Amino acid sequence: MDYTDLDAALREIVGEAQVRADEPLAEHTTFRIGGAAQWLVLPSSEDEVAAVVAACCAAATPWRVLGLGSNVLAPDEGLAGVTLKLAENFAAVEVLPGGLVQAQAGATNAEVAETALAASLAGYEFASGIPGTVGGAAIMNAGAYEGQFSDVAVQVRCLVPDGDGGWSVADVPAVEAAWGYRRSRMMEEGWVVLGATLQLHADDGAAIRARMDDLRERRESRQPLEMPSAGSTFKRPEGYFAGALIQEAGCQGLAVGGAQVSEKHAGFVVNTGSATAADVLALIAEVQRRVREASGVQLEPEVRLWE
């Protein structure tokens, strides 16, 4: 299958309007950085996701999955192949009996938390301000304020290789997800997260809202939410806090081109308006160097560096 055939196949699978050629990734990442995706494809069902992946494999064309782009640095030169975007096009949330909430991968953490609140279900408040999707939360085991995705997940619905060169849908129980700090089996295996089922618990709606409001206020007061970024730039080193190490190494406010270590929170690299991916990568490398020299600690990026 050549590129012309693949383009036609993609449009047949998801519809003409859901395939965008040479789409700027800067418009689909919270960093507001990134060149053009050769194809950006917006499937709206599990069957469409599976068919797009199968078409890419048949054409020997690279593909990857994007949610809201809230933990991604896309390259300046763009990406060859297909970028499947699972966001508002794939975002159903449903409350089930027994305190279960089922969400498609593109549902935002905020949407899930608000849906749970409307049903007087608690347990997802910690994620209400995490600026990403359920799919990203499952893959990264997203966490904040003493909570993490693995605390509430029952199972994750995934597209997985079937062993015969194809892909099939499987429900992966939480015990098989191998979650750790900002990692999961889904990440390591390259599986496509299609959705997740969460186990929450009944609570007073006013109490849930109060906790969500408190977490929002804490986040807004401490983090540079007014500037484009990809959230926390570095993973938390065991026994340390990345922001404190960066501050102690004299990096707060340090800039390379349009990328800057936030003056509000040293754990964030922000786009001051004109940052390129090259700027961000150079700044990350310089912060790593200075922190290593100052404390002996090697910081690891939490942001996913696409190439």
Protein backbone atom coordinates (compact mmCIF):
# COMPACT_ATOMS: atom_id res chain seq x y z
CA MET A 1 0.00 0.00 0.00
CA ASP A 2 1.50 3.33 -1.02
CA TYR A 3 0.81 6.73 0.53
CA THR A 4 -1.98 7.49 -1.93
CA ASP A 5 -3.71 4.22 -1.07
CA LEU A 6 -3.23 4.83 2.66
CA ASP A 7 -4.69 8.32 2.41
CA ALA A 8 -7.76 6.91 0.66
CA ALA A 9 -8.05 4.10 3.20
CA LEU A 10 -7.89 6.50 6.15
CA ARG A 11 -10.61 8.69 4.66
CA GLU A 12 -12.79 5.66 4.00
CA ILE A 13 -12.39 4.44 7.58
CA VAL A 14 -13.11 7.65 9.51
CA GLY A 15 -14.63 9.99 6.95
CA GLU A 16 -13.17 12.78 4.87
CA ALA A 17 -13.52 15.47 7.54
CA GLN A 18 -11.69 13.40 10.16
CA VAL A 19 -8.42 13.18 8.24
CA ARG A 20 -6.17 16.24 8.20
CA ALA A 21 -3.02 16.23 6.11
CA ASP A 22 -0.01 18.28 7.24
CA GLU A 23 -1.74 19.33 10.45
CA PRO A 24 0.38 21.52 12.78
CA LEU A 25 0.98 19.63 16.03
CA ALA A 26 1.49 22.95 17.82
CA GLU A 27 -2.30 23.30 17.65
CA HIS A 28 -2.77 19.96 19.43
CA THR A 29 -0.24 20.16 22.27
CA THR A 30 -0.40 22.24 25.43
CA PHE A 31 3.23 23.31 24.86
CA ARG A 32 2.01 24.93 21.60
CA ILE A 33 5.09 23.47 19.93
CA GLY A 34 5.50 21.08 17.02
CA GLY A 35 5.66 20.84 13.25
CA ALA A 36 3.13 19.17 10.98
CA ALA A 37 1.78 15.64 11.32
CA GLN A 38 1.70 13.98 7.93
CA TRP A 39 -1.80 12.81 8.79
CA LEU A 40 -3.84 13.63 11.88
CA VAL A 41 -6.73 11.17 12.11
CA LEU A 42 -9.70 11.47 14.47
CA PRO A 43 -11.44 8.10 14.90
CA SER A 44 -14.70 7.99 16.86
CA SER A 45 -15.10 4.28 17.65
CA GLU A 46 -13.01 1.31 18.70
CA ASP A 47 -13.55 -0.27 15.30
CA GLU A 48 -12.20 2.85 13.60
CA VAL A 49 -9.13 2.94 15.85
CA ALA A 50 -8.43 -0.73 15.07
CA ALA A 51 -8.95 -0.20 11.35
CA VAL A 52 -6.62 2.82 11.24
CA VAL A 53 -3.88 0.91 13.08
CA ALA A 54 -4.35 -2.07 10.73
CA ALA A 55 -4.12 0.21 7.68
CA CYS A 56 -0.91 1.78 8.99
CA CYS A 57 0.62 -1.62 9.66
CA ALA A 58 -0.36 -2.83 6.19
CA ALA A 59 1.30 0.24 4.68
CA ALA A 60 4.39 -0.11 6.92
CA THR A 61 3.68 3.45 8.04
CA PRO A 62 4.57 4.72 11.54
CA TRP A 63 1.69 5.68 13.78
CA ARG A 64 1.21 7.00 17.30
CA VAL A 65 -1.59 8.10 19.60
CA LEU A 66 -2.21 11.60 20.92
CA GLY A 67 -4.75 12.76 23.49
CA LEU A 68 -4.78 16.42 24.51
CA GLY A 69 -1.03 16.63 24.05
CA SER A 70 -0.59 17.74 27.64
CA ASN A 71 2.55 15.67 28.32
CA VAL A 72 4.15 15.73 24.87
CA LEU A 73 6.94 17.66 23.18
CA ALA A 74 6.42 17.32 19.42
CA PRO A 75 9.42 17.84 17.13
CA ASP A 76 9.88 21.04 15.15
CA GLU A 77 10.22 19.09 11.90
CA GLY A 78 6.89 17.36 12.41
CA LEU A 79 6.07 13.66 12.27
CA ALA A 80 5.90 11.25 9.36
CA GLY A 81 3.02 8.81 9.30
CA VAL A 82 -0.28 8.86 11.17
CA THR A 83 -1.10 10.54 14.47
CA LEU A 84 -4.37 9.20 15.90
CA LYS A 85 -5.98 11.78 18.11
CA LEU A 86 -8.26 10.39 20.82
CA ALA A 87 -9.82 13.43 22.45
CA GLU A 88 -13.29 14.96 22.20
CA ASN A 89 -14.02 12.60 19.29
CA PHE A 90 -13.65 9.61 21.64
CA ALA A 91 -14.77 10.86 25.03
CA ALA A 92 -17.92 9.14 26.34
CA VAL A 93 -18.25 8.84 30.13
CA GLU A 94 -20.86 6.61 31.77
CA VAL A 95 -21.76 5.93 35.39
CA LEU A 96 -22.53 2.26 36.03
CA PRO A 97 -24.09 0.56 39.07
CA GLY A 98 -21.89 -0.10 42.08
CA GLY A 99 -19.85 3.10 41.93
CA LEU A 100 -18.22 2.24 38.60
CA VAL A 101 -17.39 4.90 36.03
CA GLN A 102 -16.51 3.91 32.48
CA ALA A 103 -14.67 6.42 30.31
CA GLN A 104 -13.28 6.37 26.81
CA ALA A 105 -9.64 7.28 26.38
CA GLY A 106 -10.32 10.78 25.07
CA ALA A 107 -12.42 11.89 28.03
CA THR A 108 -10.59 14.53 30.05
CA ASN A 109 -9.77 13.92 33.68
CA ALA A 110 -11.85 16.99 34.51
CA GLU A 111 -14.87 15.56 32.67
CA VAL A 112 -14.59 12.27 34.53
CA ALA A 113 -14.28 14.04 37.87
CA GLU A 114 -17.31 16.24 37.13
CA THR A 115 -19.38 13.23 36.00
CA ALA A 116 -18.44 11.42 39.18
CA LEU A 117 -19.36 14.47 41.25
CA ALA A 118 -22.78 14.66 39.59
CA ALA A 119 -23.34 11.06 40.71
CA SER A 120 -21.97 11.78 44.23
CA LEU A 121 -19.01 9.48 43.64
CA ALA A 122 -15.63 10.27 45.17
CA GLY A 123 -12.13 9.07 44.45
CA TYR A 124 -11.16 10.92 41.28
CA GLU A 125 -10.81 14.38 42.78
CA PHE A 126 -7.01 14.12 42.69
CA ALA A 127 -7.14 14.02 38.87
CA SER A 128 -9.68 16.79 38.38
CA GLY A 129 -6.96 19.34 37.59
CA ILE A 130 -4.60 17.08 35.66
CA PRO A 131 -4.75 18.56 32.14
CA GLY A 132 -5.00 15.38 30.13
CA THR A 133 -7.17 12.44 29.17
CA VAL A 134 -8.06 9.12 30.73
CA GLY A 135 -5.91 7.40 28.11
CA GLY A 136 -2.87 9.43 29.07
CA ALA A 137 -3.61 8.96 32.77
CA ALA A 138 -3.74 5.19 32.32
CA ILE A 139 -0.51 5.03 30.33
CA MET A 140 1.44 7.34 32.67
CA ASN A 141 -0.28 6.32 35.91
CA ALA A 142 -0.95 10.01 36.35
CA GLY A 143 -1.06 11.28 39.88
CA ALA A 144 -1.30 14.37 42.04
CA TYR A 145 -2.00 15.31 45.63
CA GLU A 146 -1.63 11.84 47.16
CA GLY A 147 -3.66 10.06 44.49
CA GLN A 148 -2.81 8.17 41.33
CA PHE A 149 -4.70 6.46 38.52
CA SER A 150 -3.84 2.95 39.69
CA ASP A 151 -5.65 3.64 43.00
CA VAL A 152 -9.05 3.65 41.30
CA ALA A 153 -8.67 1.67 38.06
CA VAL A 154 -10.43 -1.68 37.76
CA GLN A 155 -9.44 -2.41 34.19
CA VAL A 156 -8.12 -0.74 31.06
CA ARG A 157 -9.55 -1.43 27.64
CA CYS A 158 -6.77 -1.72 25.08
CA LEU A 159 -5.98 -2.50 21.48
CA VAL A 160 -3.27 -5.17 21.64
CA PRO A 161 -1.40 -7.32 19.10
CA ASP A 162 -3.21 -10.61 18.57
CA GLY A 163 -0.11 -12.64 17.75
CA ASP A 164 -1.04 -13.13 14.10
CA GLY A 165 0.09 -9.74 12.88
CA GLY A 166 -3.23 -8.10 13.69
CA TRP A 167 -4.72 -6.24 16.62
CA SER A 168 -7.67 -6.99 18.88
CA VAL A 169 -9.50 -5.36 21.78
CA ALA A 170 -8.78 -6.71 25.27
CA ASP A 171 -9.80 -5.70 28.78
CA VAL A 172 -6.65 -5.62 30.89
CA PRO A 173 -7.32 -6.10 34.63
CA ALA A 174 -5.60 -3.63 36.93
CA VAL A 175 -3.41 -6.39 38.38
CA GLU A 176 -1.94 -6.95 34.92
CA ALA A 177 -1.33 -3.28 34.11
CA ALA A 178 2.06 -3.23 35.90
CA TRP A 179 1.63 0.36 37.03
CA GLY A 180 4.54 2.14 38.64
CA TYR A 181 5.67 5.72 38.95
CA ARG A 182 4.78 7.31 35.59
CA ARG A 183 4.88 3.95 33.84
CA SER A 184 2.63 1.05 32.89
CA ARG A 185 2.54 -2.13 30.89
CA MET A 186 0.53 -0.28 28.26
CA MET A 187 3.40 2.18 27.81
CA GLU A 188 6.05 -0.50 27.66
CA GLU A 189 4.12 -2.75 25.26
CA GLY A 190 2.94 0.05 22.99
CA TRP A 191 -0.72 -0.84 23.44
CA VAL A 192 -3.44 1.64 22.51
CA VAL A 193 -5.58 2.59 25.50
CA LEU A 194 -9.22 2.81 24.43
CA GLY A 195 -10.76 3.47 27.83
CA ALA A 196 -10.88 2.51 31.47
CA THR A 197 -13.27 1.44 34.21
CA LEU A 198 -12.85 3.13 37.59
CA GLN A 199 -14.11 2.06 40.99
CA LEU A 200 -15.24 5.08 42.99
CA HIS A 201 -17.23 5.35 46.21
CA ALA A 202 -20.31 7.24 47.37
CA ASP A 203 -19.83 10.50 49.24
CA ASP A 204 -21.56 13.80 49.86
CA GLY A 205 -21.52 15.96 46.73
CA ALA A 206 -20.70 19.15 48.63
CA ALA A 207 -17.69 17.47 50.24
CA ILE A 208 -16.47 16.22 46.86
CA ARG A 209 -16.85 19.69 45.35
CA ALA A 210 -15.00 21.27 48.26
CA ARG A 211 -12.05 18.92 47.76
CA MET A 212 -11.96 19.61 44.02
CA ASP A 213 -12.09 23.36 44.62
CA ASP A 214 -9.29 23.14 47.17
CA LEU A 215 -7.06 21.19 44.80
CA ARG A 216 -7.81 23.62 41.98
CA GLU A 217 -6.87 26.60 44.13
CA ARG A 218 -3.65 24.93 45.24
CA ARG A 219 -2.74 24.12 41.65
CA GLU A 220 -3.55 27.61 40.37
CA SER A 221 -1.55 29.31 43.13
CA ARG A 222 1.57 27.19 42.68
CA GLN A 223 1.79 26.26 39.00
CA PRO A 224 2.29 28.44 35.89
CA LEU A 225 -1.04 27.49 34.34
CA GLU A 226 -1.22 30.79 32.50
CA MET A 227 1.68 29.79 30.21
CA PRO A 228 1.97 26.95 27.67
CA SER A 229 3.76 23.94 29.11
CA ALA A 230 3.56 20.17 29.31
CA GLY A 231 3.11 20.08 33.07
CA SER A 232 5.90 18.81 35.30
CA THR A 233 8.95 18.52 33.08
CA PHE A 234 10.89 16.01 35.17
CA LYS A 235 10.02 12.90 37.13
CA ARG A 236 10.39 13.10 40.89
CA PRO A 237 13.76 11.54 41.81
CA GLU A 238 13.52 9.09 44.69
CA GLY A 239 14.08 10.97 47.93
CA TYR A 240 13.97 14.41 46.30
CA PHE A 241 11.70 16.94 44.64
CA ALA A 242 12.72 17.94 41.13
CA GLY A 243 11.63 21.56 41.55
CA ALA A 244 13.72 22.00 44.69
CA LEU A 245 16.81 20.49 43.05
CA ILE A 246 16.38 22.76 40.03
CA GLN A 247 15.97 25.81 42.25
CA GLU A 248 19.01 24.89 44.34
CA ALA A 249 21.08 24.51 41.17
CA GLY A 250 20.26 28.10 40.26
CA CYS A 251 18.11 27.24 37.25
CA GLN A 252 14.87 29.03 38.11
CA GLY A 253 14.21 31.54 35.33
CA LEU A 254 16.94 30.05 33.12
CA ALA A 255 16.01 30.36 29.44
CA VAL A 256 17.06 29.00 26.07
CA GLY A 257 15.36 30.82 23.23
CA GLY A 258 11.67 30.95 24.02
CA ALA A 259 11.81 28.13 26.60
CA GLN A 260 12.20 29.04 30.25
CA VAL A 261 12.29 27.33 33.62
CA SER A 262 9.19 28.82 35.21
CA GLU A 263 9.79 31.57 37.73
CA LYS A 264 6.62 30.44 39.50
CA HIS A 265 7.47 26.73 39.80
CA ALA A 266 10.94 25.45 38.92
CA GLY A 267 9.59 22.02 38.01
CA PHE A 268 7.95 23.44 34.88
CA VAL A 269 9.53 24.45 31.59
CA VAL A 270 7.24 26.96 29.89
CA ASN A 271 6.88 28.41 26.41
CA THR A 272 7.22 32.18 26.74
CA GLY A 273 5.75 32.60 23.27
CA SER A 274 8.30 31.59 20.67
CA ALA A 275 9.81 28.36 22.02
CA THR A 276 10.79 25.56 19.67
CA ALA A 277 11.23 21.91 20.55
CA ALA A 278 14.97 22.45 20.08
CA ASP A 279 14.85 25.24 22.71
CA VAL A 280 13.06 22.97 25.18
CA LEU A 281 15.43 20.05 24.60
CA ALA A 282 18.47 22.30 25.05
CA LEU A 283 17.03 23.74 28.26
CA ILE A 284 16.20 20.28 29.61
CA ALA A 285 19.78 19.15 28.92
CA GLU A 286 21.24 22.23 30.62
CA VAL A 287 19.03 21.82 33.69
CA GLN A 288 20.01 18.15 33.90
CA ARG A 289 23.69 19.11 33.69
CA ARG A 290 23.50 21.80 36.37
CA VAL A 291 21.44 19.65 38.75
CA ARG A 292 23.80 16.72 38.28
CA GLU A 293 26.79 18.94 39.07
CA ALA A 294 25.10 20.54 42.07
CA SER A 295 23.55 17.46 43.69
CA GLY A 296 24.69 14.35 41.85
CA VAL A 297 21.11 13.57 40.88
CA GLN A 298 20.24 12.70 37.28
CA LEU A 299 16.84 14.14 36.43
CA GLU A 300 14.71 12.15 33.98
CA PRO A 301 12.12 13.87 31.77
CA GLU A 302 8.50 13.18 32.57
CA VAL A 303 7.45 14.89 29.35
CA ARG A 304 7.30 12.42 26.48
CA LEU A 305 9.84 13.54 23.88
CA TRP A 306 8.48 12.53 20.49
CA GLU A 307 10.83 12.11 17.55
